[in-house]
Amino acid sequence: MSYIEEIYNYGHDIQDLEMSPFETVNALHLRSELQQKYEELTVSEKQQLAVYDRILLSNAKAMYEHLRKGYNFPSHKTISEWWWHLDKVVNGEIAFSASEIKNNKLNVSK
Protein backbone atom coordinates (compact mmCIF):
# COMPACT_ATOMS: atom_id res chain seq x y z
CA MET A 1 0.00 0.00 0.00
CA SER A 2 1.23 3.49 -0.83
CA TYR A 3 1.16 6.16 1.85
CA ILE A 4 2.41 8.99 -0.36
CA GLU A 5 -0.96 10.78 -0.45
CA GLU A 6 -1.12 10.84 3.35
CA ILE A 7 2.46 12.10 3.45
CA TYR A 8 1.65 14.89 0.97
CA ASN A 9 -1.44 15.82 2.99
CA TYR A 10 0.72 16.08 6.11
CA GLY A 11 3.26 18.17 4.22
CA HIS A 12 0.61 20.52 2.87
CA ASP A 13 -1.12 20.97 6.19
CA ILE A 14 2.01 21.78 8.19
CA GLN A 15 2.78 24.60 5.77
CA ASP A 16 -0.71 26.15 5.71
CA LEU A 17 -0.94 28.62 8.56
CA GLU A 18 -4.23 29.92 7.16
CA MET A 19 -6.02 26.79 8.41
CA SER A 20 -7.60 26.95 11.83
CA PRO A 21 -5.43 25.59 14.64
CA PHE A 22 -8.00 22.85 15.14
CA GLU A 23 -7.61 21.71 11.53
CA THR A 24 -3.84 21.87 11.83
CA VAL A 25 -3.96 19.50 14.80
CA ASN A 26 -5.26 16.91 12.34
CA ALA A 27 -1.88 17.09 10.59
CA LEU A 28 -0.23 16.09 13.87
CA HIS A 29 -2.61 13.16 14.20
CA LEU A 30 -1.79 12.18 10.62
CA ARG A 31 1.92 12.34 11.45
CA SER A 32 1.35 10.00 14.40
CA GLU A 33 -0.51 7.58 12.15
CA LEU A 34 2.36 7.65 9.67
CA GLN A 35 4.78 6.94 12.50
CA GLN A 36 2.79 3.84 13.46
CA LYS A 37 3.06 2.66 9.84
CA TYR A 38 6.67 3.79 9.42
CA GLU A 39 8.12 0.32 8.78
CA GLU A 40 5.60 -0.18 5.96
CA LEU A 41 6.74 2.98 4.13
CA THR A 42 8.99 2.72 1.12
CA VAL A 43 12.39 4.38 1.17
CA SER A 44 11.01 7.14 -1.04
CA GLU A 45 8.05 7.70 1.28
CA LYS A 46 10.35 7.83 4.31
CA GLN A 47 12.51 10.39 2.54
CA GLN A 48 9.51 12.56 1.66
CA LEU A 49 8.23 12.32 5.22
CA ALA A 50 11.65 13.43 6.48
CA VAL A 51 11.55 16.42 4.12
CA TYR A 52 8.24 17.53 5.64
CA ASP A 53 9.50 16.87 9.16
CA ARG A 54 12.46 19.16 8.47
CA ILE A 55 10.06 21.80 7.16
CA LEU A 56 7.99 21.52 10.32
CA LEU A 57 11.13 21.81 12.44
CA SER A 58 12.36 24.83 10.52
CA ASN A 59 8.95 26.48 11.00
CA ALA A 60 8.44 25.21 14.56
CA LYS A 61 8.08 28.68 16.09
CA ALA A 62 5.48 29.85 13.57
CA MET A 63 3.57 26.59 13.86
CA TYR A 64 3.73 26.73 17.66
CA GLU A 65 2.35 30.28 17.64
CA HIS A 66 -0.37 29.23 15.21
CA LEU A 67 -1.40 26.14 17.18
CA ARG A 68 -1.35 27.72 20.62
CA LYS A 69 -4.22 30.01 19.60
CA GLY A 70 -6.61 27.13 20.12
CA TYR A 71 -4.64 24.16 21.33
CA ASN A 72 -2.86 23.08 24.51
CA PHE A 73 0.15 20.92 23.83
CA PRO A 74 -0.31 17.52 25.48
CA SER A 75 2.05 16.19 28.07
CA HIS A 76 0.83 12.59 27.72
CA LYS A 77 2.31 12.09 24.23
CA THR A 78 5.70 10.42 24.13
CA ILE A 79 8.67 12.64 23.41
CA SER A 80 9.52 10.45 20.40
CA GLU A 81 6.43 11.99 18.79
CA TRP A 82 8.15 15.39 18.92
CA TRP A 83 5.54 17.04 16.64
CA TRP A 84 3.18 17.05 19.63
CA HIS A 85 5.79 18.96 21.62
CA LEU A 86 6.53 21.96 19.41
CA ASP A 87 6.42 24.09 22.56
CA LYS A 88 9.44 22.14 23.83
CA VAL A 89 11.16 22.30 20.44
CA VAL A 90 10.77 26.10 20.38
CA ASN A 91 11.91 26.46 24.00
CA GLY A 92 14.98 24.30 23.38
CA GLU A 93 13.85 21.48 25.69
CA ILE A 94 14.01 19.09 22.73
CA ALA A 95 17.03 19.28 20.47
CA PHE A 96 17.93 17.67 17.19
CA SER A 97 21.46 17.34 15.90
CA ALA A 98 22.19 18.23 12.30
CA SER A 99 23.34 14.67 11.56
CA GLU A 100 20.07 13.24 12.88
CA ILE A 101 18.09 15.49 10.60
CA LYS A 102 20.41 14.86 7.65
CA ASN A 103 20.19 11.09 8.09
CA ASN A 104 16.39 11.21 8.43
CA LYS A 105 16.54 9.69 11.92
CA LEU A 106 15.12 12.61 13.88
CA ASN A 107 15.96 11.09 17.23
CA VAL A 108 15.20 13.52 20.00
CA SER A 109 17.16 14.36 23.09
CA LYS A 110 16.05 16.26 26.13
C-alpha atoms as a PDB file:
ATOM      1  CA  MET A   1       0.000   0.000   0.000  1.00  0.00           C
ATOM      2  CA  SER A   2       1.229   3.489  -0.829  1.00  0.00           C
ATOM      3  CA  TYR A   3       1.155   6.160   1.848  1.00  0.00           C
ATOM      4  CA  ILE A   4       2.411   8.990  -0.356  1.00  0.00           C
ATOM      5  CA  GLU A   5      -0.956  10.781  -0.447  1.00  0.00           C
ATOM      6  CA  GLU A   6      -1.121  10.844   3.353  1.00  0.00           C
ATOM      7  CA  ILE A   7       2.459  12.102   3.447  1.00  0.00           C
ATOM      8  CA  TYR A   8       1.652  14.893   0.973  1.00  0.00           C
ATOM      9  CA  ASN A   9      -1.438  15.822   2.994  1.00  0.00           C
ATOM     10  CA  TYR A  10       0.723  16.077   6.108  1.00  0.00           C
ATOM     11  CA  GLY A  11       3.262  18.173   4.215  1.00  0.00           C
ATOM     12  CA  HIS A  12       0.608  20.520   2.869  1.00  0.00           C
ATOM     13  CA  ASP A  13      -1.119  20.969   6.190  1.00  0.00           C
ATOM     14  CA  ILE A  14       2.011  21.779   8.187  1.00  0.00           C
ATOM     15  CA  GLN A  15       2.779  24.596   5.765  1.00  0.00           C
ATOM     16  CA  ASP A  16      -0.706  26.146   5.709  1.00  0.00           C
ATOM     17  CA  LEU A  17      -0.943  28.621   8.563  1.00  0.00           C
ATOM     18  CA  GLU A  18      -4.229  29.920   7.164  1.00  0.00           C
ATOM     19  CA  MET A  19      -6.020  26.794   8.405  1.00  0.00           C
ATOM     20  CA  SER A  20      -7.598  26.947  11.832  1.00  0.00           C
ATOM     21  CA  PRO A  21      -5.425  25.586  14.640  1.00  0.00           C
ATOM     22  CA  PHE A  22      -8.004  22.855  15.140  1.00  0.00           C
ATOM     23  CA  GLU A  23      -7.613  21.708  11.530  1.00  0.00           C
ATOM     24  CA  THR A  24      -3.844  21.873  11.831  1.00  0.00           C
ATOM     25  CA  VAL A  25      -3.959  19.501  14.798  1.00  0.00           C
ATOM     26  CA  ASN A  26      -5.261  16.911  12.342  1.00  0.00           C
ATOM     27  CA  ALA A  27      -1.884  17.093  10.593  1.00  0.00           C
ATOM     28  CA  LEU A  28      -0.225  16.092  13.867  1.00  0.00           C
ATOM     29  CA  HIS A  29      -2.611  13.163  14.196  1.00  0.00           C
ATOM     30  CA  LEU A  30      -1.793  12.176  10.620  1.00  0.00           C
ATOM     31  CA  ARG A  31       1.920  12.345  11.445  1.00  0.00           C
ATOM     32  CA  SER A  32       1.346  10.000  14.397  1.00  0.00           C
ATOM     33  CA  GLU A  33      -0.515   7.577  12.147  1.00  0.00           C
ATOM     34  CA  LEU A  34       2.362   7.648   9.674  1.00  0.00           C
ATOM     35  CA  GLN A  35       4.779   6.941  12.503  1.00  0.00           C
ATOM     36  CA  GLN A  36       2.786   3.844  13.461  1.00  0.00           C
ATOM     37  CA  LYS A  37       3.058   2.659   9.843  1.00  0.00           C
ATOM     38  CA  TYR A  38       6.674   3.788   9.422  1.00  0.00           C
ATOM     39  CA  GLU A  39       8.120   0.324   8.777  1.00  0.00           C
ATOM     40  CA  GLU A  40       5.601  -0.175   5.961  1.00  0.00           C
ATOM     41  CA  LEU A  41       6.737   2.977   4.128  1.00  0.00           C
ATOM     42  CA  THR A  42       8.988   2.716   1.116  1.00  0.00           C
ATOM     43  CA  VAL A  43      12.391   4.382   1.168  1.00  0.00           C
ATOM     44  CA  SER A  44      11.014   7.143  -1.044  1.00  0.00           C
ATOM     45  CA  GLU A  45       8.051   7.695   1.279  1.00  0.00           C
ATOM     46  CA  LYS A  46      10.349   7.834   4.307  1.00  0.00           C
ATOM     47  CA  GLN A  47      12.509  10.388   2.539  1.00  0.00           C
ATOM     48  CA  GLN A  48       9.511  12.556   1.658  1.00  0.00           C
ATOM     49  CA  LEU A  49       8.229  12.323   5.218  1.00  0.00           C
ATOM     50  CA  ALA A  50      11.649  13.425   6.476  1.00  0.00           C
ATOM     51  CA  VAL A  51      11.547  16.420   4.118  1.00  0.00           C
ATOM     52  CA  TYR A  52       8.242  17.527   5.640  1.00  0.00           C
ATOM     53  CA  ASP A  53       9.504  16.871   9.159  1.00  0.00           C
ATOM     54  CA  ARG A  54      12.458  19.164   8.468  1.00  0.00           C
ATOM     55  CA  ILE A  55      10.059  21.802   7.158  1.00  0.00           C
ATOM     56  CA  LEU A  56       7.993  21.517  10.322  1.00  0.00           C
ATOM     57  CA  LEU A  57      11.133  21.809  12.441  1.00  0.00           C
ATOM     58  CA  SER A  58      12.355  24.833  10.522  1.00  0.00           C
ATOM     59  CA  ASN A  59       8.951  26.485  11.000  1.00  0.00           C
ATOM     60  CA  ALA A  60       8.441  25.215  14.557  1.00  0.00           C
ATOM     61  CA  LYS A  61       8.077  28.677  16.089  1.00  0.00           C
ATOM     62  CA  ALA A  62       5.479  29.849  13.566  1.00  0.00           C
ATOM     63  CA  MET A  63       3.571  26.585  13.864  1.00  0.00           C
ATOM     64  CA  TYR A  64       3.735  26.734  17.657  1.00  0.00           C
ATOM     65  CA  GLU A  65       2.352  30.282  17.644  1.00  0.00           C
ATOM     66  CA  HIS A  66      -0.370  29.228  15.211  1.00  0.00           C
ATOM     67  CA  LEU A  67      -1.404  26.142  17.181  1.00  0.00           C
ATOM     68  CA  ARG A  68      -1.354  27.720  20.617  1.00  0.00           C
ATOM     69  CA  LYS A  69      -4.221  30.013  19.601  1.00  0.00           C
ATOM     70  CA  GLY A  70      -6.607  27.130  20.124  1.00  0.00           C
ATOM     71  CA  TYR A  71      -4.639  24.161  21.327  1.00  0.00           C
ATOM     72  CA  ASN A  72      -2.861  23.082  24.506  1.00  0.00           C
ATOM     73  CA  PHE A  73       0.154  20.922  23.829  1.00  0.00           C
ATOM     74  CA  PRO A  74      -0.314  17.515  25.475  1.00  0.00           C
ATOM     75  CA  SER A  75       2.051  16.186  28.070  1.00  0.00           C
ATOM     76  CA  HIS A  76       0.834  12.592  27.716  1.00  0.00           C
ATOM     77  CA  LYS A  77       2.309  12.093  24.230  1.00  0.00           C
ATOM     78  CA  THR A  78       5.704  10.423  24.132  1.00  0.00           C
ATOM     79  CA  ILE A  79       8.671  12.639  23.413  1.00  0.00           C
ATOM     80  CA  SER A  80       9.516  10.455  20.402  1.00  0.00           C
ATOM     81  CA  GLU A  81       6.433  11.991  18.790  1.00  0.00           C
ATOM     82  CA  TRP A  82       8.147  15.387  18.921  1.00  0.00           C
ATOM     83  CA  TRP A  83       5.541  17.037  16.637  1.00  0.00           C
ATOM     84  CA  TRP A  84       3.177  17.049  19.632  1.00  0.00           C
ATOM     85  CA  HIS A  85       5.788  18.960  21.617  1.00  0.00           C
ATOM     86  CA  LEU A  86       6.525  21.962  19.413  1.00  0.00           C
ATOM     87  CA  ASP A  87       6.420  24.091  22.558  1.00  0.00           C
ATOM     88  CA  LYS A  88       9.443  22.145  23.829  1.00  0.00           C
ATOM     89  CA  VAL A  89      11.162  22.300  20.443  1.00  0.00           C
ATOM     90  CA  VAL A  90      10.769  26.099  20.380  1.00  0.00           C
ATOM     91  CA  ASN A  91      11.906  26.463  24.003  1.00  0.00           C
ATOM     92  CA  GLY A  92      14.983  24.305  23.385  1.00  0.00           C
ATOM     93  CA  GLU A  93      13.846  21.482  25.691  1.00  0.00           C
ATOM     94  CA  ILE A  94      14.011  19.092  22.730  1.00  0.00           C
ATOM     95  CA  ALA A  95      17.034  19.284  20.474  1.00  0.00           C
ATOM     96  CA  PHE A  96      17.934  17.669  17.192  1.00  0.00           C
ATOM     97  CA  SER A  97      21.460  17.343  15.904  1.00  0.00           C
ATOM     98  CA  ALA A  98      22.191  18.230  12.296  1.00  0.00           C
ATOM     99  CA  SER A  99      23.336  14.672  11.564  1.00  0.00           C
ATOM    100  CA  GLU A 100      20.072  13.240  12.885  1.00  0.00           C
ATOM    101  CA  ILE A 101      18.087  15.488  10.595  1.00  0.00           C
ATOM    102  CA  LYS A 102      20.407  14.862   7.650  1.00  0.00           C
ATOM    103  CA  ASN A 103      20.192  11.095   8.086  1.00  0.00           C
ATOM    104  CA  ASN A 104      16.387  11.214   8.434  1.00  0.00           C
ATOM    105  CA  LYS A 105      16.538   9.689  11.916  1.00  0.00           C
ATOM    106  CA  LEU A 106      15.121  12.613  13.877  1.00  0.00           C
ATOM    107  CA  ASN A 107      15.964  11.094  17.230  1.00  0.00           C
ATOM    108  CA  VAL A 108      15.205  13.521  20.001  1.00  0.00           C
ATOM    109  CA  SER A 109      17.155  14.359  23.092  1.00  0.00           C
ATOM    110  CA  LYS A 110      16.049  16.255  26.130  1.00  0.00           C
END
